[in-house]
Protein backbone atom coordinates (compact mmCIF):
# COMPACT_ATOMS: atom_id res chain seq x y z
CA MET A 1 2.59 14.60 -6.99
CA SER A 2 2.05 13.67 -10.86
CA PRO A 3 -0.82 11.18 -11.43
CA ARG A 4 0.30 7.74 -12.73
CA SER A 5 -2.59 6.47 -14.85
CA VAL A 6 -4.85 9.15 -12.90
CA TYR A 7 -2.46 11.58 -11.13
CA PRO A 8 -0.09 10.79 -11.51
CA ASP A 9 4.37 -24.13 -19.36
CA GLY A 10 3.31 -26.14 -21.32
CA TYR A 11 4.99 -29.52 -22.38
CA GLU A 12 4.62 -32.25 -24.50
CA LEU A 13 5.28 -36.01 -23.44
CA VAL A 14 7.94 -37.54 -25.32
CA SER A 15 6.45 -39.86 -27.92
CA ARG A 16 7.65 -42.92 -28.78
CA SER A 17 10.30 -43.79 -31.21
CA SER A 18 9.72 -46.41 -33.69
CA SER A 19 12.57 -48.63 -32.43
CA TYR A 20 10.11 -49.12 -29.11
CA SER A 21 8.54 -51.77 -31.42
CA GLU A 22 11.18 -52.73 -33.70
CA GLY A 23 12.10 -56.41 -33.33
CA THR A 24 9.04 -57.29 -31.08
CA TYR A 25 5.95 -59.50 -31.74
CA ASN A 26 2.83 -59.38 -28.97
CA LEU A 27 1.62 -62.63 -28.47
CA ASP A 28 -1.43 -61.03 -27.09
CA ASP A 29 -2.82 -58.50 -29.68
CA GLY A 30 -5.85 -60.80 -30.22
CA ASP A 31 -6.27 -62.04 -26.43
CA PHE A 32 -8.82 -59.85 -25.55
CA GLU A 33 -8.98 -60.66 -21.69
CA ALA A 34 -5.47 -60.22 -20.97
CA GLN A 35 -5.84 -56.38 -21.73
CA ALA A 36 -7.44 -53.83 -19.30
CA PRO A 37 -10.55 -52.45 -20.47
CA ARG A 38 -10.34 -48.54 -21.31
CA VAL A 39 -13.49 -47.76 -21.61
CA SER A 40 -16.64 -48.43 -19.41
CA ARG A 41 -19.79 -50.51 -21.19
CA LEU A 42 -21.20 -46.76 -21.86
CA GLY A 43 -18.25 -46.22 -23.93
CA ARG A 44 -16.82 -43.08 -21.62
CA ARG A 45 -13.52 -43.29 -19.82
CA ARG A 46 -13.93 -44.49 -15.93
CA THR A 47 -12.80 -41.31 -14.70
CA THR A 48 -13.94 -39.07 -11.18
CA TRP A 49 -15.32 -35.53 -11.34
CA LEU A 50 -12.28 -34.54 -10.15
CA GLN A 51 -10.02 -36.28 -13.02
CA GLN A 52 -12.45 -34.02 -15.07
CA LEU A 53 -12.18 -31.15 -13.56
CA PHE A 54 -8.04 -31.07 -13.13
CA PRO A 55 -6.78 -33.62 -15.66
CA THR A 56 -3.19 -33.27 -15.44
CA VAL A 57 -3.23 -32.79 -11.68
CA PHE A 58 -5.23 -36.01 -10.96
CA ALA A 59 -4.31 -38.31 -13.76
CA GLY A 60 -1.63 -40.17 -11.45
CA PRO A 61 1.40 -41.78 -13.08
CA PRO A 62 1.14 -43.29 -16.31
CA ARG A 63 -0.86 -46.59 -16.18
CA ARG A 64 0.86 -49.87 -16.03
CA GLN A 65 0.22 -51.86 -19.36
CA PRO A 66 -0.87 -55.58 -18.75
CA ARG A 67 1.90 -57.75 -18.55
CA SER A 68 2.43 -59.48 -22.40
CA ARG A 69 3.94 -62.26 -23.61
CA ARG A 70 6.80 -60.62 -26.07
CA VAL A 71 9.49 -61.81 -27.72
CA VAL A 72 11.85 -59.07 -27.40
CA ALA A 73 15.12 -58.64 -29.31
CA THR A 74 17.07 -57.33 -26.58
CA HIS A 75 19.87 -55.83 -28.47
CA LEU A 76 17.18 -53.21 -29.32
CA ARG A 77 16.21 -52.15 -26.20
CA PRO A 78 16.43 -48.40 -26.01
CA PRO A 79 19.34 -47.44 -23.48
CA CYS A 80 17.09 -44.18 -22.59
CA LEU A 81 14.10 -45.58 -21.36
CA PRO A 82 14.87 -44.88 -17.60
CA ARG A 83 15.60 -41.34 -18.22
CA PHE A 84 12.03 -41.15 -20.16
CA TYR A 85 10.39 -42.46 -17.24
CA LEU A 86 12.20 -40.03 -14.70
CA ARG A 87 11.29 -36.98 -16.96
CA ARG A 88 7.81 -37.91 -16.85
CA ARG A 89 7.73 -38.34 -13.18
CA PHE A 90 9.30 -35.03 -12.45
CA PHE A 91 6.44 -33.46 -14.55
CA TYR A 92 3.89 -35.60 -12.81
CA TYR A 93 5.24 -33.97 -9.38
CA ILE A 94 5.31 -30.46 -11.11
CA HIS A 95 1.59 -30.79 -11.82
CA VAL A 96 1.00 -32.15 -8.24
CA PHE A 97 2.81 -29.02 -6.91
CA TRP A 98 0.78 -26.65 -8.72
CA GLY A 99 -2.26 -28.12 -7.92
CA ILE A 100 -1.82 -27.93 -4.19
CA ILE A 101 -1.13 -24.48 -4.91
CA LEU A 102 -4.48 -23.48 -6.55
CA ALA A 103 -6.12 -25.87 -4.26
CA LEU A 104 -4.85 -23.78 -1.18
CA LEU A 105 -5.83 -20.56 -3.13
CA ILE A 106 -9.37 -21.44 -3.75
CA LEU A 107 -10.02 -22.91 -0.46
CA THR A 108 -8.48 -19.76 1.64
CA ALA A 109 -10.20 -17.63 -0.70
CA ILE A 110 -13.37 -19.47 -0.11
CA PHE A 111 -13.37 -20.30 3.71
CA ASN A 112 -10.52 -18.45 5.20
CA PRO A 113 -10.31 -14.72 3.11
CA SER A 114 -8.63 -11.95 4.50
CA TYR A 115 -10.10 -8.55 5.30
CA SER A 116 -13.35 -9.60 3.96
CA ARG A 117 -15.63 -10.04 6.52
CA PRO A 118 -16.28 -6.59 8.22
CA PRO A 119 -17.70 -5.71 11.50
CA PRO A 120 -21.39 -5.37 11.58
CA HIS A 121 -21.40 -2.03 12.15
CA TYR A 122 -19.71 -1.56 8.62
CA THR A 123 -22.35 -3.59 7.00
CA THR A 124 -24.76 -1.32 8.58
CA LEU A 125 -23.41 1.77 7.45
CA ARG A 126 -23.30 0.41 3.98
CA SER A 127 -26.77 -0.22 4.00
CA LEU A 128 -27.75 3.06 5.15
CA ALA A 129 -25.39 4.61 2.37
CA GLN A 130 -26.86 2.42 -0.35
CA ARG A 131 -30.72 2.33 0.77
CA THR A 132 -31.75 5.87 -0.33
CA ASN A 133 -30.35 9.19 -2.37
CA LYS A 134 -31.20 11.16 0.38
CA ALA A 135 -28.20 13.75 0.91
CA GLY A 136 -26.20 13.15 4.56
CA ARG A 137 -27.45 9.37 4.30
CA GLY A 138 -23.87 7.99 5.15
CA ASN A 139 -23.58 10.65 8.11
CA PRO A 140 -26.07 9.45 10.63
CA ARG A 141 -24.68 11.96 13.58
CA ASN A 142 -24.43 14.59 11.03
CA GLU A 143 -20.34 15.34 11.50
CA LYS A 144 -18.75 17.77 10.02
CA VAL A 145 -15.80 17.02 7.60
CA PHE A 146 -13.33 19.12 6.27
CA ILE A 147 -11.93 17.26 2.67
CA ALA A 148 -8.10 18.81 1.98
CA ALA A 149 -6.41 17.75 -1.37
CA SER A 150 -3.54 19.04 -2.82
CA LEU A 151 -2.92 18.23 -6.93
CA TYR A 152 -0.71 17.74 -9.60
CA ASP A 153 -2.82 17.37 -12.39
CA ARG A 154 -1.60 18.46 -15.73
CA SER A 155 -3.82 16.18 -18.01
CA GLY A 156 -7.00 17.19 -16.25
CA GLU A 157 -7.71 13.45 -15.56
CA LEU A 158 -8.09 13.91 -12.08
CA ALA A 159 -10.47 16.61 -11.59
CA GLY A 160 -12.11 16.20 -14.69
CA GLY A 161 -12.46 11.99 -14.32
CA GLY A 162 -13.04 9.37 -11.51
CA TRP A 163 -11.18 11.01 -8.74
CA ALA A 164 -14.14 13.79 -9.12
CA THR A 165 -16.74 11.84 -9.50
CA GLN A 166 -15.89 9.69 -6.27
CA LEU A 167 -15.45 13.10 -4.36
CA LEU A 168 -18.77 14.37 -5.57
CA GLN A 169 -20.78 10.93 -4.55
CA LEU A 170 -18.72 11.22 -0.70
CA ILE A 171 -19.83 14.74 -0.52
CA ASP A 172 -23.05 13.85 -1.09
CA MET A 173 -23.59 10.72 1.26
CA LEU A 174 -21.68 13.21 4.07
CA GLY A 175 -24.46 15.72 3.23
CA ASP A 176 -23.35 19.19 1.75
CA ASP A 177 -24.18 21.05 4.93
CA ASN A 178 -21.43 19.05 6.72
CA VAL A 179 -18.74 19.41 4.43
CA PHE A 180 -16.26 21.83 3.44
CA VAL A 181 -13.82 21.12 0.49
CA SER A 182 -10.64 22.90 0.03
CA ILE A 183 -8.40 21.94 -3.03
CA TYR A 184 -5.01 23.70 -3.96
CA GLU A 185 -3.41 22.84 -7.49
CA ASN A 186 0.12 24.49 -8.79
CA ASP A 187 2.10 24.22 -12.01
CA SER A 188 -0.51 21.88 -13.60
CA GLY A 189 -1.11 24.24 -17.10
CA ALA A 190 -4.01 24.59 -18.99
CA GLU A 191 -5.70 21.46 -19.00
CA GLY A 192 -5.28 21.21 -15.34
CA VAL A 193 -6.90 24.37 -14.49
CA SER A 194 -9.76 23.81 -16.86
CA ALA A 195 -10.45 20.90 -15.32
CA LEU A 196 -10.62 21.89 -11.77
CA ARG A 197 -12.53 25.06 -12.58
CA GLY A 198 -15.49 22.57 -14.16
CA PHE A 199 -15.21 20.69 -11.20
CA GLU A 200 -15.73 23.76 -8.86
CA LYS A 201 -19.13 24.57 -10.62
CA GLN A 202 -20.28 21.01 -9.74
CA LEU A 203 -19.28 21.76 -5.92
CA THR A 204 -22.64 22.46 -3.88
CA CYS A 205 -20.85 22.59 -0.44
CA ARG A 206 -18.95 25.32 0.77
CA LYS A 207 -15.25 25.33 -0.74
CA SER A 208 -12.00 26.70 -1.34
CA ILE A 209 -10.57 25.99 -4.87
CA ILE A 210 -6.97 27.53 -5.62
CA PHE A 211 -5.10 27.19 -8.56
CA GLU A 212 -1.48 28.54 -8.66
CA GLU A 213 0.14 29.06 -12.02
CA HIS A 214 3.42 28.56 -10.41
CA LEU A 215 4.69 28.28 -6.67
CA ASP A 216 8.19 29.60 -6.67
CA PRO A 217 10.17 27.11 -4.83
CA GLN A 218 12.40 30.15 -3.64
CA SER A 219 9.52 31.47 -1.62
CA LEU A 220 10.27 28.69 0.65
CA SER A 221 12.61 27.80 3.03
CA THR A 222 15.99 26.75 1.78
CA VAL A 223 19.20 25.05 2.62
CA ILE A 224 22.92 25.48 2.08
CA VAL A 225 24.09 22.47 0.57
CA PRO A 226 27.97 21.47 -0.06
CA GLY A 227 28.90 23.83 -2.98
CA GLY A 228 27.03 26.84 -1.73
CA ASP A 229 23.65 26.93 -3.27
CA ASN A 230 20.93 27.77 -1.84
CA ARG A 231 18.55 24.78 -2.27
CA VAL A 232 14.78 23.40 -1.45
CA LYS A 233 14.11 20.27 0.40
CA ARG A 234 11.81 18.09 -1.28
CA ILE A 235 10.19 17.31 2.00
CA GLU A 236 9.78 20.95 2.33
CA TYR A 237 8.21 21.76 -0.92
CA LEU A 238 5.35 18.92 -0.56
CA ALA A 239 5.07 20.02 3.02
CA GLN A 240 3.95 23.75 1.80
CA VAL A 241 2.02 22.58 -0.83
CA ARG A 242 -0.23 20.25 1.53
CA ASN A 243 -0.65 23.19 4.01
CA LYS A 244 -1.78 25.19 1.28
CA ALA A 245 -4.94 23.19 1.40
CA LEU A 246 -5.29 23.54 4.94
CA GLU A 247 -5.49 27.23 5.04
CA PRO A 248 -8.82 27.97 5.20
CA LEU A 249 -9.28 26.53 8.69
CA GLU A 250 -7.01 29.39 9.97
CA ALA A 251 -9.40 32.03 7.60
CA ASP A 252 -12.80 30.57 9.49
CA PRO A 253 -11.46 29.67 13.19
CA ASP A 254 -15.04 29.73 14.70
CA VAL A 255 -16.25 26.82 12.41
CA ARG A 256 -15.34 23.59 14.22
CA TYR A 257 -15.11 20.59 12.49
CA ASP A 258 -15.18 16.69 13.73
CA LYS A 259 -13.17 14.82 11.09
CA LEU A 260 -10.42 15.96 8.41
CA LEU A 261 -10.08 13.82 5.21
CA TYR A 262 -6.89 14.11 3.60
CA LEU A 263 -6.80 12.76 -0.09
CA ASN A 264 -4.15 11.74 -2.35
CA ASP A 265 -4.30 11.47 -6.31
CA ILE A 266 -6.22 7.99 -5.38
CA MET A 267 -9.13 5.85 -6.80
CA PHE A 268 -11.21 4.72 -4.06
CA ASP A 269 -14.89 3.88 -3.17
CA PRO A 270 -16.94 6.57 -1.38
CA ILE A 271 -18.35 4.16 0.84
CA ASP A 272 -14.98 2.78 2.15
CA ALA A 273 -14.09 6.44 2.64
CA LEU A 274 -17.28 6.47 5.11
CA GLN A 275 -15.89 3.69 6.86
CA LEU A 276 -12.81 5.32 7.39
CA LEU A 277 -14.21 8.25 8.85
CA PHE A 278 -17.02 6.85 10.88
CA SER A 279 -16.43 3.14 11.41
CA THR A 280 -12.71 2.68 12.33
CA ASN A 281 -12.02 1.54 16.16
CA VAL A 282 -15.67 2.42 17.19
CA ASP A 283 -16.19 2.86 21.23
CA THR A 284 -19.16 1.30 22.75
CA ASP A 285 -21.19 3.91 21.83
CA GLY A 286 -20.68 3.35 18.03
CA ARG A 287 -18.39 6.47 18.09
CA ALA A 288 -15.04 6.35 15.84
CA LYS A 289 -12.00 6.56 18.31
CA TYR A 290 -8.58 7.51 16.76
CA ARG A 291 -6.16 10.82 16.14
CA ALA A 292 -5.78 9.37 12.88
CA ALA A 293 -7.14 6.39 10.47
CA CYS A 294 -5.35 5.52 7.32
CA ALA A 295 -6.18 3.46 4.26
CA VAL A 296 -4.16 1.04 2.44
CA ASP A 297 -2.84 2.30 -0.91
CA PHE A 298 -1.43 -0.36 -3.49
CA ASP A 299 0.68 0.43 -6.72
CA ASN A 300 -0.92 -2.93 -8.24
CA PRO A 301 -3.03 -5.61 -7.17
CA PHE A 302 -0.24 -7.05 -4.34
CA LYS A 303 2.22 -4.42 -3.63
CA PHE A 304 1.80 -1.77 -0.81
CA TYR A 305 2.86 1.73 -1.78
CA ASP A 306 3.33 3.96 1.20
CA THR A 307 6.26 2.30 2.96
CA TYR A 308 8.17 5.73 3.18
CA ALA A 309 5.38 7.27 5.75
CA THR A 310 4.39 4.22 7.47
CA ARG A 311 5.83 2.95 10.77
CA ASP A 312 4.88 0.04 13.15
CA LEU A 313 3.85 0.38 16.73
CA GLN A 314 7.42 0.72 17.72
CA GLY A 315 8.51 2.68 15.05
CA TYR A 316 10.38 0.19 12.74
CA SER A 317 9.87 0.44 9.10
CA MET A 318 8.20 -1.75 6.96
CA GLY A 319 9.04 -5.32 5.65
CA LEU A 320 8.51 -6.32 2.04
CA PRO A 321 5.76 -4.28 0.66
CA PHE A 322 3.23 -7.07 0.34
CA TYR A 323 0.94 -8.86 3.30
CA PRO A 324 1.17 -8.71 5.95
CA TRP A 325 3.38 -5.56 5.42
CA PHE A 326 5.24 -5.27 8.78
CA THR A 327 8.15 -7.50 10.39
CA THR A 328 8.34 -9.46 13.67
CA ALA A 329 10.89 -6.65 14.68
CA GLY A 330 10.64 -5.69 18.74
CA GLY A 331 7.00 -6.74 19.55
CA GLY A 332 5.65 -7.26 15.99
CA GLU A 333 2.44 -5.84 17.57
CA SER A 334 1.05 -4.27 14.18
CA ARG A 335 2.07 -7.36 12.22
CA ARG A 336 -0.18 -9.36 14.82
CA ASP A 337 -2.82 -6.99 14.45
CA VAL A 338 -2.91 -7.37 10.65
CA GLN A 339 -2.97 -11.18 11.24
CA ALA A 340 -5.68 -10.98 13.22
CA GLY A 341 -7.81 -9.07 11.08
CA LYS A 342 -8.38 -5.93 13.27
CA ASP A 343 -9.82 -2.82 11.57
CA ALA A 344 -7.83 -0.88 13.50
CA VAL A 345 -4.21 -2.05 13.54
CA ARG A 346 -2.03 -0.14 15.97
CA VAL A 347 1.10 2.16 14.22
CA ARG A 348 3.11 5.14 14.91
CA SER A 349 2.23 6.49 11.47
CA CYS A 350 0.75 6.13 8.12
CA TRP A 351 -0.67 7.80 5.15
CA GLY A 352 -2.34 5.10 2.41
CA GLY A 353 -3.29 7.75 0.25
CA MET A 354 -6.36 8.71 2.46
CA VAL A 355 -6.42 9.70 5.85
CA ALA A 356 -8.97 10.56 8.19
CA PHE A 357 -7.87 12.89 11.31
CA ASP A 358 -9.65 13.83 14.41
CA ALA A 359 -10.01 17.45 13.53
CA LYS A 360 -9.56 19.14 16.87
CA TYR A 361 -5.72 18.39 16.20
CA PHE A 362 -5.46 20.83 13.21
CA GLN A 363 -8.00 23.87 15.06
CA SER A 364 -7.39 26.08 18.13
CA PRO A 365 -7.72 25.82 20.89
CA LEU A 366 -6.03 22.71 21.05
CA PRO A 367 -5.18 19.81 23.87
CA GLU A 368 -2.92 20.75 26.50
CA SER A 369 0.72 20.57 24.97
CA PHE A 370 -0.26 20.95 21.35
CA SER A 371 0.12 23.07 18.84
CA PRO A 372 -2.18 23.23 15.48
CA ALA A 373 -0.67 20.16 13.54
CA ARG A 374 0.87 21.13 10.04
CA PHE A 375 3.04 19.40 7.53
CA ARG A 376 6.74 20.26 7.44
CA SER A 377 9.97 18.73 6.94
CA ALA A 378 13.04 17.28 9.26
CA SER A 379 15.57 20.44 10.38
CA ASP A 380 18.52 18.45 9.95
CA LEU A 381 20.44 18.65 6.77
CA PHE A 382 21.17 15.11 5.86
CA TRP A 383 18.44 13.73 7.13
CA ASP A 384 15.08 13.11 5.62
CA SER A 385 11.48 12.45 6.70
CA SER A 386 8.10 12.22 5.03
CA GLU A 387 6.16 15.21 5.96
CA CYS A 388 3.11 12.18 5.99
CA CYS A 389 4.80 10.52 8.83
CA LEU A 390 6.21 13.96 10.72
CA ILE A 391 2.42 15.04 11.12
CA HIS A 392 1.66 11.83 12.85
CA ALA A 393 4.76 12.59 15.54
CA ASP A 394 3.23 15.99 16.32
CA ILE A 395 -0.38 14.38 17.16
CA GLN A 396 0.74 11.73 19.34
CA ASP A 397 1.75 11.43 23.01
CA HIS A 398 5.74 11.59 23.41
CA PRO A 399 6.99 8.14 24.86
CA ILE A 400 9.52 7.74 27.52
CA LYS A 401 10.44 4.34 25.86
CA VAL A 402 9.49 3.61 22.43
CA ASP A 403 9.45 -0.53 22.78
CA ASP A 404 6.91 -0.21 25.64
CA ILE A 405 4.29 1.74 23.47
CA VAL A 406 0.83 0.23 23.64
CA ASP A 407 -1.15 2.27 21.97
CA THR A 408 -0.62 5.77 19.78
CA GLY A 409 -4.15 6.39 18.64
CA ILE A 410 -2.87 6.38 15.21
CA TYR A 411 -4.25 3.39 12.87
CA MET A 412 -4.18 1.68 9.79
CA ASN A 413 -7.50 0.14 8.58
CA PRO A 414 -6.84 -2.64 5.92
CA PHE A 415 -10.78 -2.79 4.97
CA ILE A 416 -10.12 0.35 3.55
CA ARG A 417 -8.15 -0.12 0.27
CA VAL A 418 -7.20 2.33 -2.56
CA ALA A 419 -5.22 2.23 -5.47
CA TYR A 420 -3.88 4.76 -8.11
CA ASP A 421 -5.67 3.09 -11.16
CA SER A 422 -9.39 1.47 -11.54
CA ARG A 423 -8.05 -1.52 -12.73
CA THR A 424 -5.98 -1.96 -9.36
CA LEU A 425 -8.46 -1.01 -7.30
CA PHE A 426 -11.01 -3.66 -8.83
CA TRP A 427 -8.65 -6.32 -8.42
CA LEU A 428 -7.88 -5.65 -4.73
CA GLY A 429 -11.02 -7.16 -3.87
CA ILE A 430 -10.24 -10.74 -5.35
CA THR A 431 -6.25 -10.44 -4.38
CA LYS A 432 -6.69 -9.80 -0.79
CA ARG A 433 -9.06 -12.83 -0.06
CA PHE A 434 -5.96 -15.07 -0.28
CA GLU A 435 -3.40 -12.94 1.18
CA LYS A 436 -2.94 -14.76 4.20
CA LEU A 437 -0.90 -17.19 2.57
CA TYR A 438 1.72 -14.89 2.21
CA SER A 439 2.50 -14.49 6.01
CA THR A 440 5.42 -17.35 5.86
CA ILE A 441 6.96 -16.10 2.43
CA HIS A 442 7.16 -12.49 3.86
CA ASN A 443 8.51 -13.30 7.06
CA ILE A 444 11.53 -15.59 5.46
CA GLY A 445 12.02 -12.34 2.93
CA ASN A 446 12.21 -10.24 5.56
CA HIS A 447 15.21 -11.87 7.49
CA LEU A 448 16.54 -12.76 4.01
CA VAL A 449 16.98 -8.71 3.00
CA GLY A 450 17.41 -7.69 6.39
CA MET A 451 14.02 -6.09 6.84
CA PRO A 452 13.65 -3.75 8.83
CA TRP A 453 16.02 -1.25 8.19
CA ASP A 454 18.13 0.16 10.83
CA ASN A 455 17.74 3.76 12.12
CA PRO A 456 19.97 4.88 14.64
CA ARG A 457 17.15 7.43 16.26
CA ARG A 458 14.20 5.21 16.54
CA THR A 459 14.82 4.77 20.28
CA GLU A 460 15.67 8.69 21.08
CA VAL A 461 13.64 10.00 23.95
CA PRO A 462 12.67 13.61 23.52
CA GLY A 463 14.84 16.46 25.06
CA GLN A 464 17.74 13.74 25.44
CA SER A 465 21.36 15.13 24.50
CA VAL A 466 22.71 12.78 21.40
CA PRO A 467 26.33 13.16 20.16
CA GLU A 468 26.37 13.29 16.18
CA THR A 469 28.67 13.98 13.61
CA VAL A 470 27.10 16.46 10.98
CA TRP A 471 28.02 18.31 8.08
CA ILE A 472 28.26 22.12 8.94
CA ALA A 473 27.99 24.76 6.20
CA ASP A 474 30.81 27.79 6.69
CA ASP A 475 29.25 30.92 7.67
CA ARG A 476 31.07 32.46 4.82
CA GLN A 477 28.13 30.54 2.64
CA ASN A 478 31.15 29.93 -0.08
CA GLY A 479 30.18 25.97 -0.21
CA GLY A 480 32.70 24.94 2.48
CA GLY A 481 31.79 22.91 5.58
CA SER A 482 33.14 20.56 7.67
CA PHE A 483 32.16 17.62 9.56
CA GLN A 484 31.58 18.77 13.32
CA VAL A 485 30.70 16.53 16.41
CA ILE A 486 27.81 18.30 18.15
CA HIS A 487 25.35 17.61 20.71
CA ARG A 488 21.93 17.41 19.30
CA ILE A 489 18.60 17.32 21.47
CA ALA A 490 16.69 14.45 20.11
CA GLY A 491 13.63 15.18 18.88
CA HIS A 492 9.85 13.27 19.34
CA ASP A 493 10.28 12.25 15.44
CA GLY A 494 13.34 10.21 14.65
CA PHE A 495 11.45 7.19 14.24
CA CYS A 496 10.19 8.76 10.91
CA GLY A 497 13.83 9.61 9.16
CA ARG A 498 16.44 8.25 7.33
CA PRO A 499 19.99 9.32 6.23
CA GLY A 500 19.67 11.31 3.14
CA LEU A 501 18.81 14.89 1.30
CA GLN A 502 16.72 15.43 -1.40
CA VAL A 503 16.07 18.57 -3.29
CA ILE A 504 13.70 20.14 -5.80
CA VAL A 505 14.95 20.54 -9.56
CA GLU A 506 14.11 24.33 -10.11
CA ASN A 507 14.43 24.63 -13.77
CA ARG A 508 14.00 20.75 -14.97
CA LEU A 509 14.16 19.99 -18.51
CA PRO A 510 11.41 17.78 -20.38
CA GLY A 511 11.47 14.19 -18.87
CA GLN A 512 13.40 14.88 -15.65
CA LYS A 513 12.38 14.58 -12.09
CA GLY A 514 11.23 16.81 -9.98
CA PHE A 515 13.47 16.13 -7.44
CA GLU A 516 17.38 14.89 -7.32
CA PRO A 517 19.50 13.52 -4.29
CA ILE A 518 22.24 15.46 -2.74
CA PRO A 519 25.35 13.07 -1.56
CA ALA A 520 27.02 13.95 1.84
CA PRO A 521 30.53 14.59 1.66
CA PRO A 522 32.52 11.87 2.78
CA LEU A 523 33.48 11.47 6.04
CA PRO A 524 37.23 12.39 7.02
């Protein structure tokens, strides 16, 4: 979980050749009435205001010169004259094309912007949060919020920079008495621990700040890979690191929380975090109703980041990573929700760098048929699923037919946008205003590259017996094994996964990634 920055045609018209005038004599050089006036009586060119603003777009084709009585030496006529005019006409149409694009961008941004006009209750909450400096001003119902984060912060830029500042502002708007902050950090070195300890001193709410010098991967569950080695799945490692930040929920089970907010190493607006918590999918009483509500995270001002953990309402994976993100596969309900500008886009899973949960799914006692939710990995060897998708699979009702799903209680809120650096966060407020223009290009691109990717487990019904060819390691644990056909009992989380296996690199070299893929043996 390394932080990234914080985590981790010009042309020239062809000039006339001197041969153009060679051998000619213009009889009208002194005939002023035969020549078109170039300036007005005031001495200025007769141009409209549009021509003044966009001279290359609205200049029009080259002005035809008045017919003149010439004596032309025909044997000296330039042979490439038609090509010259074709080239000028080509450049003219190029300018017109880009002028139309520019006009569309400006008009869309002004008159039909995307996700720039939130519902009235969003404005009300923002006004409350900005009106005074009173603690708790952004939490009108005094709801109890558990804030969790797991960090890898070698440079200390998170706990000692903008991330920490934004979190402190959020806590102040929620009210110290309403907040518990739990942060777990490991393997970040001296600068990381120093920044975390400095941040801990600034916290005035209840807290649990844990720094672990080294998390031994061998303390986690392992799998036997081809070759006989015991390795830790990458997702298993990430899941257990995230769970470390949830341990205070078990230490004091009598304290009940209304919301659980999980944060990544993101840059965010603290008021947006309030909106995610308290404004997403409100009911008639003004209370937010969801099992989970996710922000939308970006790698750059256009590119949606968290495609691995996000699935649409029918469990399909994402399309190309720009607006409107989802494909038309199946019912295309999630895509239509985005295009309709809803603040609660129905999905089966999401993450987006910042997620608000209904905290009851993480605490005992729980609703019937649920156990306290925790992050985990998939059990099959060569099948990987994001821990951030599996957590959503575990807190939703299990459907009998996935294509008939109407709502899961899990929503993505595109009004709430976060980024992995401050510059991208700034530009998101601008680029989103004209993103509605992308829809057609997005749909065409999805079809050209074959998105969404096929997932054979998307439509599996929990409890169903499914025949499947899988790799089974030998009991002797000597690295051997074979492919066998087994009857696997389908789970409720097949939509999250894809074939593959990534494992932790335990003794990595400088510059080496912390994980590596393990290829499956070839089928016989």
